Amino acid sequence: MNMLSQPRPSFKAQMHQAREEAIVEATSRLLGIKGFETMTVDEVAATVGIAKASLYKHFAGKDDLCAAAMVHGVGRLQRFLAELSAELSPLQRLQALLHWLLELQLGDDTPLLPERNSALAQALRGCDVYHASMQEVSACILGWIVQAQAAGQLRRELPPDVVLCALLARSADPMLAMLRERGYGNAEILAWAMDTCLSGLVPQPAAELRA
């Protein structure tokens, strides 16, 4: 028996969805560049090229806007993790994740984790979709960390949660912005940030431990 196909959304519904996606994309960029406290709804509307009244047909206010942007950001991370090659070792997957997180920050994109007790954290408190998505992401990464520790690729004495937090924290590390302000290029900053993070997580050769 043939399955009935889903009816195609109307043109009006498609335009509504496209506008909503544009609003979320604009919010993501402004949130990464200006931060939650400085960004305004007026700026989002102006970036999309719509009236603020039209924006309010999609989102009730700034908190809802930024919650949608954060959910969008976690969705990008979920797709990135899902698309990593199955041939990569657990450590290689974690290295790829770290590289992606650092590039995200260097591109002034939406942070994946709000600062503790910040206004953005307060806005996300009731966003169940964001927290559920972050729990799913964390569980996936923790699995790779445990596998890498079992294979001797990461320090076994560190609790997996410590490694997880060390990796995710780099998505909001002020070191990257500080180095860029000092005139260093993104390629140099990326290499140094990767090295300084991973050097404390991977086992040291016995000769270095004796030094």
N, C-alpha and C. Protein backbone atom coordinates (compact mmCIF):
# COMPACT_ATOMS: atom_id res chain seq x y z
N MET A 1 0.85 -1.19 0.00
CA MET A 1 0.00 0.00 0.00
C MET A 1 0.89 1.24 0.00
N ASN A 2 0.56 2.19 -0.82
CA ASN A 2 1.33 3.41 -0.89
C ASN A 2 1.05 4.29 0.32
N MET A 3 2.14 4.84 0.86
CA MET A 3 1.99 5.75 1.99
C MET A 3 1.55 7.11 1.47
N LEU A 4 0.61 7.72 2.15
CA LEU A 4 0.15 9.04 1.75
C LEU A 4 1.24 10.06 2.06
N SER A 5 1.56 10.89 1.10
CA SER A 5 2.58 11.91 1.32
C SER A 5 2.00 13.05 2.15
N GLN A 6 2.88 13.69 2.90
CA GLN A 6 2.47 14.82 3.71
C GLN A 6 2.12 16.00 2.80
N PRO A 7 1.04 16.72 3.10
CA PRO A 7 0.69 17.87 2.27
C PRO A 7 1.79 18.92 2.31
N ARG A 8 2.06 19.52 1.18
CA ARG A 8 3.10 20.54 1.10
C ARG A 8 2.62 21.80 1.81
N PRO A 9 3.48 22.42 2.64
CA PRO A 9 3.07 23.64 3.33
C PRO A 9 2.68 24.72 2.32
N SER A 10 1.75 25.54 2.72
CA SER A 10 1.33 26.64 1.85
C SER A 10 2.47 27.63 1.68
N PHE A 11 2.36 28.45 0.67
CA PHE A 11 3.39 29.47 0.41
C PHE A 11 3.52 30.40 1.62
N LYS A 12 2.39 30.74 2.21
CA LYS A 12 2.40 31.62 3.39
C LYS A 12 3.15 30.96 4.54
N ALA A 13 2.91 29.66 4.73
CA ALA A 13 3.60 28.93 5.82
C ALA A 13 5.09 28.84 5.54
N GLN A 14 5.46 28.63 4.27
CA GLN A 14 6.88 28.57 3.91
C GLN A 14 7.56 29.92 4.17
N MET A 15 6.89 31.00 3.82
CA MET A 15 7.46 32.34 4.04
C MET A 15 7.60 32.62 5.55
N HIS A 16 6.62 32.18 6.32
CA HIS A 16 6.68 32.35 7.77
C HIS A 16 7.88 31.61 8.35
N GLN A 17 8.09 30.37 7.89
CA GLN A 17 9.21 29.57 8.36
C GLN A 17 10.55 30.18 7.94
N ALA A 18 10.63 30.66 6.70
CA ALA A 18 11.87 31.26 6.21
C ALA A 18 12.21 32.52 7.00
N ARG A 19 11.19 33.32 7.30
CA ARG A 19 11.43 34.54 8.07
C ARG A 19 11.89 34.20 9.48
N GLU A 20 11.28 33.18 10.07
CA GLU A 20 11.67 32.78 11.42
C GLU A 20 13.12 32.29 11.45
N GLU A 21 13.51 31.53 10.44
CA GLU A 21 14.90 31.06 10.37
C GLU A 21 15.86 32.23 10.21
N ALA A 22 15.48 33.23 9.41
CA ALA A 22 16.32 34.41 9.22
C ALA A 22 16.47 35.18 10.53
N ILE A 23 15.40 35.26 11.30
CA ILE A 23 15.44 35.94 12.59
C ILE A 23 16.39 35.22 13.54
N VAL A 24 16.31 33.91 13.59
CA VAL A 24 17.18 33.13 14.48
C VAL A 24 18.64 33.26 14.05
N GLU A 25 18.91 33.22 12.75
CA GLU A 25 20.27 33.38 12.24
C GLU A 25 20.83 34.75 12.62
N ALA A 26 20.04 35.79 12.45
CA ALA A 26 20.48 37.14 12.79
C ALA A 26 20.73 37.26 14.29
N THR A 27 19.86 36.68 15.09
CA THR A 27 20.04 36.70 16.54
C THR A 27 21.32 35.97 16.93
N SER A 28 21.59 34.86 16.28
CA SER A 28 22.81 34.09 16.57
C SER A 28 24.06 34.93 16.33
N ARG A 29 24.08 35.64 15.20
CA ARG A 29 25.25 36.46 14.89
C ARG A 29 25.41 37.61 15.88
N LEU A 30 24.32 38.31 16.16
CA LEU A 30 24.39 39.45 17.07
C LEU A 30 24.69 39.01 18.50
N LEU A 31 24.18 37.87 18.89
CA LEU A 31 24.45 37.35 20.23
C LEU A 31 25.93 37.03 20.39
N GLY A 32 26.54 36.47 19.33
CA GLY A 32 27.96 36.16 19.38
C GLY A 32 28.83 37.40 19.37
N ILE A 33 28.42 38.42 18.62
CA ILE A 33 29.23 39.62 18.48
C ILE A 33 29.04 40.59 19.65
N LYS A 34 27.79 40.81 20.07
CA LYS A 34 27.50 41.85 21.04
C LYS A 34 27.20 41.34 22.44
N GLY A 35 26.77 40.08 22.54
CA GLY A 35 26.38 39.56 23.84
C GLY A 35 24.92 39.83 24.15
N PHE A 36 24.39 39.09 25.11
CA PHE A 36 22.97 39.17 25.42
C PHE A 36 22.57 40.55 25.94
N GLU A 37 23.38 41.10 26.85
CA GLU A 37 23.00 42.36 27.49
C GLU A 37 22.96 43.52 26.50
N THR A 38 23.87 43.53 25.52
CA THR A 38 23.99 44.66 24.60
C THR A 38 23.07 44.53 23.40
N MET A 39 22.84 43.32 22.95
CA MET A 39 22.00 43.10 21.76
C MET A 39 20.57 43.55 22.02
N THR A 40 19.93 44.13 21.01
CA THR A 40 18.55 44.57 21.15
C THR A 40 17.65 43.92 20.10
N VAL A 41 16.36 43.87 20.39
CA VAL A 41 15.39 43.34 19.45
C VAL A 41 15.35 44.22 18.19
N ASP A 42 15.50 45.53 18.38
CA ASP A 42 15.50 46.44 17.23
C ASP A 42 16.62 46.09 16.25
N GLU A 43 17.80 45.74 16.78
CA GLU A 43 18.93 45.40 15.91
C GLU A 43 18.64 44.12 15.13
N VAL A 44 18.01 43.17 15.79
CA VAL A 44 17.68 41.92 15.10
C VAL A 44 16.71 42.20 13.96
N ALA A 45 15.67 42.98 14.24
CA ALA A 45 14.69 43.30 13.21
C ALA A 45 15.34 44.05 12.05
N ALA A 46 16.23 45.00 12.37
CA ALA A 46 16.90 45.77 11.33
C ALA A 46 17.81 44.88 10.48
N THR A 47 18.48 43.92 11.12
CA THR A 47 19.37 43.01 10.39
C THR A 47 18.58 42.15 9.41
N VAL A 48 17.41 41.70 9.83
CA VAL A 48 16.57 40.87 8.96
C VAL A 48 15.86 41.71 7.91
N GLY A 49 15.66 42.99 8.23
CA GLY A 49 14.97 43.87 7.30
C GLY A 49 13.46 43.83 7.46
N ILE A 50 13.01 43.66 8.71
CA ILE A 50 11.57 43.62 8.98
C ILE A 50 11.26 44.59 10.10
N ALA A 51 9.99 44.92 10.26
CA ALA A 51 9.56 45.77 11.37
C ALA A 51 9.58 44.98 12.66
N LYS A 52 9.81 45.67 13.77
CA LYS A 52 9.85 44.97 15.06
C LYS A 52 8.52 44.29 15.35
N ALA A 53 7.43 44.90 14.90
CA ALA A 53 6.11 44.30 15.10
C ALA A 53 6.01 42.95 14.40
N SER A 54 6.65 42.82 13.23
CA SER A 54 6.65 41.55 12.51
C SER A 54 7.45 40.50 13.26
N LEU A 55 8.54 40.94 13.88
CA LEU A 55 9.37 40.00 14.65
C LEU A 55 8.57 39.43 15.82
N TYR A 56 7.75 40.27 16.44
CA TYR A 56 6.99 39.82 17.59
C TYR A 56 5.89 38.82 17.21
N LYS A 57 5.63 38.66 15.93
CA LYS A 57 4.70 37.62 15.50
C LYS A 57 5.33 36.23 15.60
N HIS A 58 6.66 36.22 15.70
CA HIS A 58 7.40 34.95 15.79
C HIS A 58 7.90 34.67 17.21
N PHE A 59 8.36 35.72 17.89
CA PHE A 59 8.96 35.55 19.22
C PHE A 59 8.41 36.61 20.17
N ALA A 60 8.16 36.21 21.41
CA ALA A 60 7.53 37.11 22.37
C ALA A 60 8.45 38.22 22.83
N GLY A 61 9.76 37.98 22.78
CA GLY A 61 10.69 38.99 23.26
C GLY A 61 12.12 38.52 23.16
N LYS A 62 13.02 39.28 23.78
CA LYS A 62 14.45 39.02 23.67
C LYS A 62 14.83 37.67 24.26
N ASP A 63 14.24 37.31 25.38
CA ASP A 63 14.56 36.01 26.00
C ASP A 63 14.23 34.86 25.05
N ASP A 64 13.05 34.90 24.45
CA ASP A 64 12.65 33.84 23.52
C ASP A 64 13.55 33.82 22.29
N LEU A 65 13.92 35.00 21.81
CA LEU A 65 14.82 35.10 20.66
C LEU A 65 16.15 34.40 20.94
N CYS A 66 16.74 34.75 22.07
CA CYS A 66 18.06 34.21 22.38
C CYS A 66 18.00 32.73 22.73
N ALA A 67 16.91 32.30 23.34
CA ALA A 67 16.75 30.86 23.60
C ALA A 67 16.70 30.10 22.29
N ALA A 68 15.98 30.63 21.30
CA ALA A 68 15.91 29.98 19.99
C ALA A 68 17.28 29.96 19.32
N ALA A 69 18.06 31.03 19.49
CA ALA A 69 19.41 31.08 18.91
C ALA A 69 20.32 30.05 19.56
N MET A 70 20.20 29.87 20.87
CA MET A 70 21.03 28.90 21.57
C MET A 70 20.65 27.47 21.17
N VAL A 71 19.36 27.22 21.02
CA VAL A 71 18.91 25.90 20.54
C VAL A 71 19.44 25.65 19.15
N HIS A 72 19.42 26.68 18.31
CA HIS A 72 19.97 26.58 16.95
C HIS A 72 21.45 26.22 17.00
N GLY A 73 22.20 26.86 17.91
CA GLY A 73 23.63 26.58 18.03
C GLY A 73 23.91 25.15 18.46
N VAL A 74 23.15 24.66 19.43
CA VAL A 74 23.33 23.27 19.88
C VAL A 74 22.95 22.30 18.77
N GLY A 75 21.94 22.67 17.97
CA GLY A 75 21.56 21.82 16.84
C GLY A 75 22.70 21.69 15.83
N ARG A 76 23.42 22.78 15.61
CA ARG A 76 24.59 22.73 14.71
C ARG A 76 25.64 21.79 15.27
N LEU A 77 25.86 21.86 16.58
CA LEU A 77 26.83 20.96 17.21
C LEU A 77 26.39 19.51 17.09
N GLN A 78 25.12 19.25 17.29
CA GLN A 78 24.61 17.88 17.16
C GLN A 78 24.85 17.33 15.76
N ARG A 79 24.61 18.17 14.75
CA ARG A 79 24.85 17.73 13.36
C ARG A 79 26.33 17.49 13.11
N PHE A 80 27.18 18.35 13.67
CA PHE A 80 28.62 18.18 13.50
C PHE A 80 29.08 16.85 14.11
N LEU A 81 28.63 16.56 15.31
CA LEU A 81 29.02 15.31 15.97
C LEU A 81 28.52 14.09 15.19
N ALA A 82 27.30 14.18 14.68
CA ALA A 82 26.71 13.05 13.95
C ALA A 82 27.43 12.78 12.64
N GLU A 83 28.03 13.83 12.06
CA GLU A 83 28.67 13.69 10.75
C GLU A 83 30.14 13.31 10.84
N LEU A 84 30.71 13.21 12.04
CA LEU A 84 32.11 12.80 12.18
C LEU A 84 32.27 11.37 11.70
N SER A 85 33.36 11.11 11.03
CA SER A 85 33.60 9.79 10.46
C SER A 85 33.70 8.73 11.55
N ALA A 86 33.07 7.60 11.29
CA ALA A 86 33.12 6.48 12.24
C ALA A 86 34.53 5.88 12.31
N GLU A 87 35.38 6.21 11.33
CA GLU A 87 36.74 5.69 11.31
C GLU A 87 37.67 6.44 12.26
N LEU A 88 37.24 7.60 12.77
CA LEU A 88 38.07 8.36 13.69
C LEU A 88 38.09 7.69 15.06
N SER A 89 39.24 7.75 15.72
CA SER A 89 39.34 7.23 17.08
C SER A 89 38.61 8.19 18.02
N PRO A 90 38.29 7.75 19.23
CA PRO A 90 37.63 8.65 20.19
C PRO A 90 38.42 9.95 20.40
N LEU A 91 39.75 9.85 20.52
CA LEU A 91 40.56 11.05 20.72
C LEU A 91 40.48 11.97 19.51
N GLN A 92 40.52 11.40 18.31
CA GLN A 92 40.42 12.22 17.10
C GLN A 92 39.07 12.93 17.02
N ARG A 93 38.03 12.28 17.48
CA ARG A 93 36.72 12.93 17.50
C ARG A 93 36.71 14.09 18.49
N LEU A 94 37.33 13.90 19.63
CA LEU A 94 37.40 14.97 20.63
C LEU A 94 38.26 16.12 20.12
N GLN A 95 39.34 15.81 19.41
CA GLN A 95 40.17 16.85 18.82
C GLN A 95 39.39 17.65 17.77
N ALA A 96 38.60 16.94 16.97
CA ALA A 96 37.78 17.61 15.97
C ALA A 96 36.74 18.49 16.64
N LEU A 97 36.16 18.02 17.73
CA LEU A 97 35.19 18.80 18.48
C LEU A 97 35.82 20.07 19.02
N LEU A 98 36.99 19.95 19.63
CA LEU A 98 37.69 21.11 20.18
C LEU A 98 38.00 22.13 19.09
N HIS A 99 38.48 21.64 17.96
CA HIS A 99 38.80 22.52 16.83
C HIS A 99 37.54 23.26 16.38
N TRP A 100 36.43 22.58 16.32
CA TRP A 100 35.16 23.19 15.89
C TRP A 100 34.70 24.25 16.88
N LEU A 101 34.81 23.95 18.17
CA LEU A 101 34.40 24.90 19.20
C LEU A 101 35.25 26.17 19.16
N LEU A 102 36.54 26.00 18.94
CA LEU A 102 37.44 27.16 18.88
C LEU A 102 37.16 28.01 17.64
N GLU A 103 36.93 27.34 16.51
CA GLU A 103 36.60 28.08 15.29
C GLU A 103 35.29 28.84 15.47
N LEU A 104 34.36 28.24 16.18
CA LEU A 104 33.07 28.88 16.44
C LEU A 104 33.28 30.19 17.18
N GLN A 105 34.13 30.16 18.20
CA GLN A 105 34.36 31.37 18.97
C GLN A 105 35.15 32.41 18.17
N LEU A 106 36.14 31.97 17.42
CA LEU A 106 36.91 32.91 16.61
C LEU A 106 36.05 33.57 15.54
N GLY A 107 34.96 32.90 15.17
CA GLY A 107 34.04 33.47 14.19
C GLY A 107 32.96 34.33 14.83
N ASP A 108 33.11 34.63 16.13
CA ASP A 108 32.14 35.46 16.86
C ASP A 108 30.73 34.91 16.75
N ASP A 109 30.62 33.59 16.80
CA ASP A 109 29.30 32.97 16.70
C ASP A 109 28.68 32.80 18.08
N THR A 110 27.45 32.32 18.09
CA THR A 110 26.73 32.15 19.35
C THR A 110 27.48 31.22 20.30
N PRO A 111 27.69 31.62 21.56
CA PRO A 111 28.32 30.70 22.51
C PRO A 111 27.38 29.55 22.82
N LEU A 112 27.95 28.38 23.03
CA LEU A 112 27.11 27.22 23.34
C LEU A 112 26.73 27.18 24.81
N LEU A 113 27.56 27.77 25.65
CA LEU A 113 27.31 27.77 27.09
C LEU A 113 27.26 29.21 27.59
N PRO A 114 26.18 29.60 28.26
CA PRO A 114 26.12 30.95 28.83
C PRO A 114 26.96 31.02 30.10
N GLU A 115 27.44 32.21 30.42
CA GLU A 115 28.18 32.38 31.66
C GLU A 115 27.25 32.14 32.84
N ARG A 116 27.79 31.51 33.86
CA ARG A 116 26.99 31.16 35.03
C ARG A 116 26.37 32.41 35.65
N ASN A 117 25.08 32.34 35.97
CA ASN A 117 24.33 33.43 36.60
C ASN A 117 24.22 34.68 35.72
N SER A 118 24.52 34.56 34.44
CA SER A 118 24.37 35.69 33.52
C SER A 118 22.91 35.86 33.15
N ALA A 119 22.59 37.00 32.50
CA ALA A 119 21.23 37.24 32.05
C ALA A 119 20.81 36.19 31.02
N LEU A 120 21.76 35.75 30.19
CA LEU A 120 21.45 34.73 29.20
C LEU A 120 21.13 33.40 29.87
N ALA A 121 21.88 33.06 30.90
CA ALA A 121 21.60 31.82 31.65
C ALA A 121 20.20 31.88 32.26
N GLN A 122 19.82 33.05 32.75
CA GLN A 122 18.47 33.20 33.31
C GLN A 122 17.41 33.02 32.23
N ALA A 123 17.68 33.56 31.03
CA ALA A 123 16.72 33.44 29.94
C ALA A 123 16.55 32.00 29.49
N LEU A 124 17.61 31.19 29.66
CA LEU A 124 17.57 29.79 29.23
C LEU A 124 17.02 28.85 30.31
N ARG A 125 16.79 29.37 31.48
CA ARG A 125 16.41 28.50 32.61
C ARG A 125 15.17 27.67 32.30
N GLY A 126 14.21 28.25 31.60
CA GLY A 126 12.98 27.52 31.31
C GLY A 126 12.94 26.92 29.92
N CYS A 127 14.08 26.90 29.22
CA CYS A 127 14.10 26.36 27.86
C CYS A 127 14.46 24.87 27.90
N ASP A 128 13.45 24.03 27.98
CA ASP A 128 13.66 22.59 28.11
C ASP A 128 14.36 22.00 26.89
N VAL A 129 14.08 22.54 25.71
CA VAL A 129 14.70 22.00 24.48
C VAL A 129 16.21 22.20 24.52
N TYR A 130 16.65 23.37 24.96
CA TYR A 130 18.09 23.64 25.05
C TYR A 130 18.76 22.67 26.03
N HIS A 131 18.20 22.54 27.21
CA HIS A 131 18.83 21.69 28.24
C HIS A 131 18.81 20.21 27.84
N ALA A 132 17.73 19.77 27.21
CA ALA A 132 17.66 18.38 26.75
C ALA A 132 18.70 18.13 25.66
N SER A 133 18.86 19.09 24.76
CA SER A 133 19.85 18.95 23.68
C SER A 133 21.26 18.94 24.24
N MET A 134 21.56 19.79 25.22
CA MET A 134 22.89 19.82 25.82
C MET A 134 23.17 18.53 26.57
N GLN A 135 22.17 17.95 27.20
CA GLN A 135 22.36 16.67 27.89
C GLN A 135 22.68 15.56 26.89
N GLU A 136 22.01 15.60 25.74
CA GLU A 136 22.28 14.60 24.69
C GLU A 136 23.70 14.75 24.15
N VAL A 137 24.10 15.98 23.91
CA VAL A 137 25.46 16.25 23.42
C VAL A 137 26.49 15.81 24.46
N SER A 138 26.27 16.16 25.71
CA SER A 138 27.21 15.81 26.77
C SER A 138 27.36 14.30 26.91
N ALA A 139 26.26 13.57 26.80
CA ALA A 139 26.31 12.11 26.92
C ALA A 139 27.14 11.51 25.79
N CYS A 140 26.99 12.04 24.59
CA CYS A 140 27.77 11.56 23.45
C CYS A 140 29.26 11.81 23.66
N ILE A 141 29.61 13.04 24.07
CA ILE A 141 31.02 13.39 24.27
C ILE A 141 31.62 12.59 25.42
N LEU A 142 30.86 12.43 26.49
CA LEU A 142 31.35 11.64 27.63
C LEU A 142 31.67 10.22 27.22
N GLY A 143 30.87 9.66 26.31
CA GLY A 143 31.15 8.32 25.82
C GLY A 143 32.49 8.24 25.12
N TRP A 144 32.80 9.24 24.32
CA TRP A 144 34.10 9.27 23.63
C TRP A 144 35.24 9.46 24.63
N ILE A 145 35.02 10.29 25.65
CA ILE A 145 36.05 10.52 26.66
C ILE A 145 36.38 9.22 27.40
N VAL A 146 35.36 8.49 27.80
CA VAL A 146 35.57 7.22 28.51
C VAL A 146 36.33 6.24 27.61
N GLN A 147 35.97 6.19 26.33
CA GLN A 147 36.67 5.30 25.40
C GLN A 147 38.13 5.72 25.23
N ALA A 148 38.38 7.02 25.12
CA ALA A 148 39.74 7.51 24.95
C ALA A 148 40.58 7.23 26.21
N GLN A 149 39.98 7.34 27.38
CA GLN A 149 40.70 7.03 28.61
C GLN A 149 41.01 5.54 28.71
N ALA A 150 40.06 4.72 28.30
CA ALA A 150 40.28 3.27 28.33
C ALA A 150 41.41 2.86 27.39
N ALA A 151 41.56 3.61 26.28
CA ALA A 151 42.62 3.31 25.31
C ALA A 151 43.94 3.97 25.68
N GLY A 152 43.98 4.69 26.81
CA GLY A 152 45.21 5.35 27.23
C GLY A 152 45.51 6.62 26.47
N GLN A 153 44.52 7.17 25.77
CA GLN A 153 44.73 8.39 24.97
C GLN A 153 44.49 9.66 25.78
N LEU A 154 43.78 9.54 26.90
CA LEU A 154 43.55 10.65 27.81
C LEU A 154 43.90 10.21 29.22
N ARG A 155 44.24 11.16 30.07
CA ARG A 155 44.61 10.85 31.45
C ARG A 155 43.46 10.16 32.17
N ARG A 156 43.73 8.96 32.66
CA ARG A 156 42.68 8.15 33.29
C ARG A 156 42.32 8.65 34.69
N GLU A 157 43.23 9.41 35.32
CA GLU A 157 42.94 9.86 36.68
C GLU A 157 41.95 11.04 36.71
N LEU A 158 41.71 11.64 35.55
CA LEU A 158 40.76 12.74 35.49
C LEU A 158 39.34 12.20 35.35
N PRO A 159 38.40 12.65 36.17
CA PRO A 159 37.00 12.25 35.97
C PRO A 159 36.54 12.69 34.57
N PRO A 160 35.78 11.86 33.87
CA PRO A 160 35.30 12.25 32.53
C PRO A 160 34.60 13.60 32.50
N ASP A 161 33.88 13.94 33.58
CA ASP A 161 33.21 15.23 33.63
C ASP A 161 34.20 16.39 33.58
N VAL A 162 35.38 16.21 34.17
CA VAL A 162 36.40 17.26 34.15
C VAL A 162 36.87 17.50 32.72
N VAL A 163 37.11 16.41 31.98
CA VAL A 163 37.54 16.53 30.58
C VAL A 163 36.44 17.18 29.75
N LEU A 164 35.20 16.77 29.97
CA LEU A 164 34.07 17.34 29.24
C LEU A 164 33.99 18.85 29.46
N CYS A 165 34.07 19.27 30.70
CA CYS A 165 33.97 20.70 31.01
C CYS A 165 35.15 21.47 30.44
N ALA A 166 36.34 20.86 30.46
CA ALA A 166 37.52 21.52 29.91
C ALA A 166 37.36 21.77 28.41
N LEU A 167 36.75 20.81 27.71
CA LEU A 167 36.54 20.96 26.27
C LEU A 167 35.45 21.99 25.96
N LEU A 168 34.31 21.87 26.62
CA LEU A 168 33.20 22.77 26.33
C LEU A 168 33.49 24.20 26.75
N ALA A 169 34.31 24.36 27.80
CA ALA A 169 34.62 25.71 28.28
C ALA A 169 35.40 26.52 27.25
N ARG A 170 36.08 25.84 26.34
CA ARG A 170 36.85 26.59 25.34
C ARG A 170 35.96 27.34 24.37
N SER A 171 34.67 27.02 24.34
CA SER A 171 33.76 27.76 23.46
C SER A 171 33.47 29.15 24.01
N ALA A 172 33.90 29.41 25.25
CA ALA A 172 33.70 30.74 25.84
C ALA A 172 34.98 31.21 26.53
N ASP A 173 36.13 30.80 26.02
CA ASP A 173 37.41 31.13 26.64
C ASP A 173 37.85 32.53 26.21
N PRO A 174 38.06 33.46 27.16
CA PRO A 174 38.48 34.82 26.79
C PRO A 174 39.89 34.88 26.21
N MET A 175 40.69 33.81 26.36
CA MET A 175 42.05 33.82 25.86
C MET A 175 42.09 34.10 24.36
N LEU A 176 41.12 33.57 23.61
CA LEU A 176 41.14 33.74 22.17
C LEU A 176 41.01 35.21 21.78
N ALA A 177 40.06 35.91 22.40
CA ALA A 177 39.86 37.33 22.11
C ALA A 177 41.07 38.14 22.55
N MET A 178 41.67 37.79 23.67
CA MET A 178 42.84 38.51 24.17
C MET A 178 44.02 38.38 23.21
N LEU A 179 44.23 37.18 22.69
CA LEU A 179 45.33 36.98 21.74
C LEU A 179 45.07 37.71 20.43
N ARG A 180 43.81 37.74 19.99
CA ARG A 180 43.48 38.44 18.75
C ARG A 180 43.70 39.95 18.92
N GLU A 181 43.38 40.48 20.09
CA GLU A 181 43.60 41.89 20.36
C GLU A 181 45.09 42.23 20.36
N ARG A 182 45.94 41.24 20.66
CA ARG A 182 47.39 41.45 20.67
C ARG A 182 48.00 41.30 19.27
N GLY A 183 47.14 41.04 18.27
CA GLY A 183 47.61 41.04 16.90
C GLY A 183 47.92 39.68 16.30
N TYR A 184 47.63 38.60 17.03
CA TYR A 184 47.90 37.27 16.49
C TYR A 184 46.79 36.85 15.54
N GLY A 185 47.15 36.03 14.54
CA GLY A 185 46.19 35.55 13.56
C GLY A 185 45.38 34.37 14.08
N ASN A 186 44.26 34.13 13.42
CA ASN A 186 43.38 33.04 13.86
C ASN A 186 44.05 31.68 13.82
N ALA A 187 44.90 31.44 12.79
CA ALA A 187 45.56 30.14 12.67
C ALA A 187 46.50 29.90 13.86
N GLU A 188 47.25 30.95 14.25
CA GLU A 188 48.14 30.82 15.40
C GLU A 188 47.34 30.60 16.68
N ILE A 189 46.31 31.40 16.86
CA ILE A 189 45.49 31.30 18.07
C ILE A 189 44.87 29.91 18.17
N LEU A 190 44.37 29.41 17.06
CA LEU A 190 43.73 28.09 17.05
C LEU A 190 44.73 27.01 17.45
N ALA A 191 45.94 27.07 16.90
CA ALA A 191 46.97 26.06 17.21
C ALA A 191 47.36 26.12 18.68
N TRP A 192 47.56 27.33 19.22
CA TRP A 192 47.97 27.47 20.61
C TRP A 192 46.85 27.04 21.57
N ALA A 193 45.63 27.40 21.24
CA ALA A 193 44.50 27.03 22.10
C ALA A 193 44.32 25.51 22.12
N MET A 194 44.46 24.87 20.95
CA MET A 194 44.38 23.41 20.89
C MET A 194 45.46 22.78 21.76
N ASP A 195 46.68 23.30 21.64
CA ASP A 195 47.81 22.72 22.35
C ASP A 195 47.68 22.89 23.86
N THR A 196 47.32 24.11 24.29
CA THR A 196 47.26 24.37 25.72
C THR A 196 46.13 23.61 26.39
N CYS A 197 45.06 23.34 25.67
CA CYS A 197 43.96 22.57 26.25
C CYS A 197 44.31 21.09 26.32
N LEU A 198 44.77 20.55 25.20
CA LEU A 198 45.02 19.11 25.13
C LEU A 198 46.24 18.68 25.93
N SER A 199 47.22 19.59 26.10
CA SER A 199 48.45 19.19 26.81
C SER A 199 48.16 18.81 28.25
N GLY A 200 47.11 19.33 28.82
CA GLY A 200 46.76 18.98 30.19
C GLY A 200 45.85 17.78 30.31
N LEU A 201 45.37 17.27 29.16
CA LEU A 201 44.42 16.17 29.16
C LEU A 201 45.03 14.84 28.73
N VAL A 202 46.06 14.91 27.88
CA VAL A 202 46.65 13.67 27.37
C VAL A 202 47.77 13.22 28.31
N PRO A 203 48.02 11.92 28.39
CA PRO A 203 49.10 11.42 29.26
C PRO A 203 50.45 11.95 28.80
N GLN A 204 51.32 12.27 29.75
CA GLN A 204 52.67 12.74 29.41
C GLN A 204 53.62 11.56 29.29
N PRO A 205 54.57 11.62 28.36
CA PRO A 205 55.57 10.55 28.27
C PRO A 205 56.33 10.39 29.58
N ALA A 206 56.76 9.18 29.87
CA ALA A 206 57.43 8.90 31.14
C ALA A 206 58.65 9.76 31.32
N ALA A 207 59.40 10.06 30.24
CA ALA A 207 60.61 10.85 30.34
C ALA A 207 60.27 12.26 30.82
N GLU A 208 59.15 12.82 30.35
CA GLU A 208 58.76 14.16 30.78
C GLU A 208 58.32 14.16 32.23
N LEU A 209 57.69 13.08 32.69
CA LEU A 209 57.25 13.01 34.07
C LEU A 209 58.42 12.96 35.04
N ARG A 210 59.54 12.38 34.60
CA ARG A 210 60.73 12.26 35.46
C ARG A 210 61.54 13.53 35.48
N ALA A 211 61.32 14.41 34.49
CA ALA A 211 62.14 15.63 34.36
C ALA A 211 61.88 16.60 35.52
